[in-house]
Protein backbone atom coordinates (compact mmCIF):
# COMPACT_ATOMS: atom_id res chain seq x y z
CA MET A 1 -5.76 -23.32 -24.27
CA GLU A 2 -8.24 -21.03 -25.86
CA TYR A 3 -8.38 -19.01 -22.63
CA PHE A 4 -4.62 -18.39 -22.74
CA ALA A 5 -4.79 -17.34 -26.37
CA LYS A 6 -7.45 -14.74 -25.59
CA LEU A 7 -5.47 -13.53 -22.58
CA LYS A 8 -2.36 -13.30 -24.75
CA LEU A 9 -4.29 -11.30 -27.38
CA VAL A 10 -5.62 -8.88 -24.73
CA ALA A 11 -2.14 -8.45 -23.26
CA VAL A 12 -0.64 -7.75 -26.70
CA CYS A 13 -3.42 -5.21 -27.44
CA VAL A 14 -2.88 -3.43 -24.11
CA LEU A 15 0.86 -3.36 -24.69
CA ALA A 16 0.40 -2.09 -28.26
CA LEU A 17 -1.99 0.64 -27.12
CA SER A 18 0.36 1.81 -24.38
CA VAL A 19 3.31 1.87 -26.81
CA LEU A 20 1.30 3.57 -29.54
CA GLN A 21 -0.13 6.11 -27.12
CA GLY A 22 3.40 7.43 -26.53
CA CYS A 23 4.02 7.61 -30.30
CA ASP A 24 3.74 11.08 -31.87
CA TRP A 25 2.43 9.61 -35.12
CA VAL A 26 -0.51 7.98 -33.33
CA LYS A 27 -1.09 11.09 -31.21
CA GLY A 28 -1.19 13.21 -34.37
CA ARG A 29 -3.75 10.87 -35.96
CA MET A 30 -5.88 10.91 -32.81
CA GLY A 31 -5.81 14.73 -32.59
CA MET A 32 -3.70 14.76 -29.46
CA PRO A 33 -0.74 17.16 -29.09
CA THR A 34 2.59 15.68 -30.15
CA ALA A 35 5.96 16.30 -28.49
CA ASP A 36 6.64 19.10 -31.01
CA ASP A 37 3.25 20.68 -30.25
CA ILE A 38 3.94 20.55 -26.52
CA ALA A 39 7.41 22.09 -27.01
CA LYS A 40 5.88 24.91 -29.10
CA MET A 41 3.21 25.49 -26.43
CA ARG A 42 5.90 25.68 -23.75
CA VAL A 43 7.90 28.23 -25.78
CA GLU A 44 4.77 30.32 -26.39
CA LEU A 45 3.79 30.14 -22.72
CA HIS A 46 7.31 31.18 -21.68
CA ARG A 47 7.19 34.09 -24.17
CA LYS A 48 3.81 35.23 -22.80
CA ASP A 49 5.09 34.95 -19.23
CA SER A 50 8.16 37.00 -20.16
CA LEU A 51 6.01 39.68 -21.79
CA GLU A 52 3.68 39.80 -18.79
CA GLN A 53 6.67 40.03 -16.42
CA ALA A 54 8.15 42.85 -18.51
CA ALA A 55 4.80 44.66 -18.49
CA ARG A 56 4.54 44.27 -14.69
CA GLU A 57 8.11 45.55 -14.26
CA LYS A 58 7.39 48.55 -16.51
CA ALA A 59 4.21 49.32 -14.57
CA LEU A 60 6.16 49.13 -11.31
CA GLN A 61 8.87 51.47 -12.62
CA ASP A 62 6.23 53.91 -13.90
CA SER A 63 4.44 53.86 -10.55
CA LEU A 64 7.70 54.51 -8.70
CA LEU A 65 8.44 57.48 -10.94
CA ASN A 66 4.94 58.82 -10.42
CA ALA A 67 5.18 58.22 -6.67
CA ARG A 68 7.78 60.93 -6.28
CA PRO A 69 6.14 63.75 -4.42
CA LYS A 70 5.01 66.71 -6.41
CA VAL A 71 6.45 69.88 -4.93
CA GLU A 72 4.95 73.30 -5.45
CA ALA A 73 7.04 76.32 -6.46
CA VAL A 74 9.65 77.12 -3.86
CA GLY A 75 10.56 80.65 -2.92
CA GLY A 76 11.89 82.59 0.03
CA TYR A 77 13.85 81.23 2.98
CA HIS A 78 13.14 77.79 4.41
CA VAL A 79 14.07 76.38 7.81
CA ILE A 80 15.31 72.90 6.92
CA LEU A 81 14.86 70.34 9.68
CA GLY A 82 16.06 67.33 7.71
CA SER A 83 17.33 66.13 4.37
CA PHE A 84 16.67 62.56 3.27
CA LYS A 85 17.86 60.29 0.45
CA ASP A 86 14.97 57.90 1.10
CA TYR A 87 11.79 59.82 0.35
CA ARG A 88 9.79 57.57 2.70
CA ASN A 89 11.83 58.94 5.60
CA ALA A 90 11.05 62.48 4.46
CA ASP A 91 7.34 61.59 4.32
CA ALA A 92 7.46 60.09 7.82
CA PHE A 93 9.26 63.14 9.24
CA ALA A 94 6.77 65.49 7.57
CA GLU A 95 3.89 63.50 9.10
CA TYR A 96 5.59 63.77 12.51
CA LEU A 97 5.79 67.55 12.13
CA GLU A 98 2.15 67.72 11.06
CA LYS A 99 1.17 65.85 14.23
CA LYS A 100 3.11 68.48 16.19
CA GLY A 101 0.94 71.17 14.58
CA TYR A 102 3.26 72.41 11.83
CA SER A 103 2.67 72.60 8.07
CA PRO A 104 5.93 71.21 6.70
CA ARG A 105 6.96 71.42 3.07
CA LYS A 106 9.02 68.93 1.17
CA ILE A 107 11.56 70.37 -1.24
CA GLU A 108 13.25 68.05 -3.72
CA LEU A 109 16.88 68.82 -4.47
CA LYS A 110 18.44 68.26 -7.88
CA ARG A 111 20.66 65.55 -6.41
CA ASP A 112 17.65 63.39 -5.41
CA TYR A 113 17.47 64.38 -1.78
CA MET A 114 14.25 65.53 -0.16
CA MET A 115 14.45 68.35 2.36
CA VAL A 116 11.74 68.90 4.94
CA SER A 117 11.14 72.51 5.93
CA LEU A 118 8.74 74.29 8.24
CA GLY A 119 7.60 76.44 5.33
CA GLY A 120 8.76 79.47 3.44
CA ASN A 121 9.61 82.81 5.01
CA ALA A 122 9.80 86.10 3.16
CA THR A 123 13.01 87.23 4.88
CA MET A 124 16.11 85.72 6.40
CA GLN A 125 15.20 87.37 9.74
CA GLU A 126 11.82 85.57 9.80
CA ALA A 127 13.56 82.26 9.10
CA ALA A 128 16.09 82.90 11.89
CA ALA A 129 13.26 83.69 14.31
CA GLN A 130 11.56 80.44 13.29
CA ILE A 131 14.76 78.50 14.05
CA ARG A 132 14.95 80.01 17.53
CA GLU A 133 11.31 79.10 18.12
CA VAL A 134 11.90 75.50 17.02
CA TRP A 135 15.03 75.19 19.17
CA GLU A 136 13.07 76.26 22.23
CA LEU A 137 10.52 73.54 21.53
CA ASP A 138 13.26 70.91 21.32
CA LEU A 139 11.58 69.66 18.17
CA CYS A 140 14.58 69.01 16.01
CA PRO A 141 18.33 68.39 15.97
CA ASP A 142 20.91 71.16 16.32
CA ASP A 143 21.89 71.05 12.66
CA VAL A 144 18.86 73.00 11.47
CA TRP A 145 19.70 75.38 8.65
CA ILE A 146 18.17 77.94 6.33
CA TYR A 147 17.79 77.25 2.62
CA ASP A 148 17.63 80.29 0.36
CA ALA A 149 15.44 79.24 -2.59
CA SER A 150 17.17 81.77 -4.83
CA GLN A 151 20.19 79.42 -4.81
CA GLY A 152 18.22 77.16 -7.18
CA LEU A 153 19.42 73.85 -5.76
CA HIS A 154 15.91 72.41 -5.84
CA LYS A 155 13.96 70.92 -8.73
């Protein structure tokens, strides 16, 4: 009978320990985090994650603003081969023209379009001659046009 009494005592102790281990009062006395401590840690972790996410979003927005191409002063008459809402398309078209041996310029319009030109010309006649040259090379579409920088439509 003594064996069963000892076994009963061990079982009661194990049961008491498992019950007490889930008790916040016991956890507090043992230096373990209580349910309130864990809830506070979760709130703080969520707050830190939110701040980090906001910081990442701000950095992304700043990098997108800074990624806009810087355009030098625009003057004269420009043969415009394309106008793009998506600046990546303007970049790709400018690279294409560079591969063909041209030195294209990107001109940003006030309405957030990017024009791609073959470069500035001092006179309208020079720009018209450049259009005829480009048409003969079959380099661009038929809707090529001349932008007069004095109109001030660019940024």
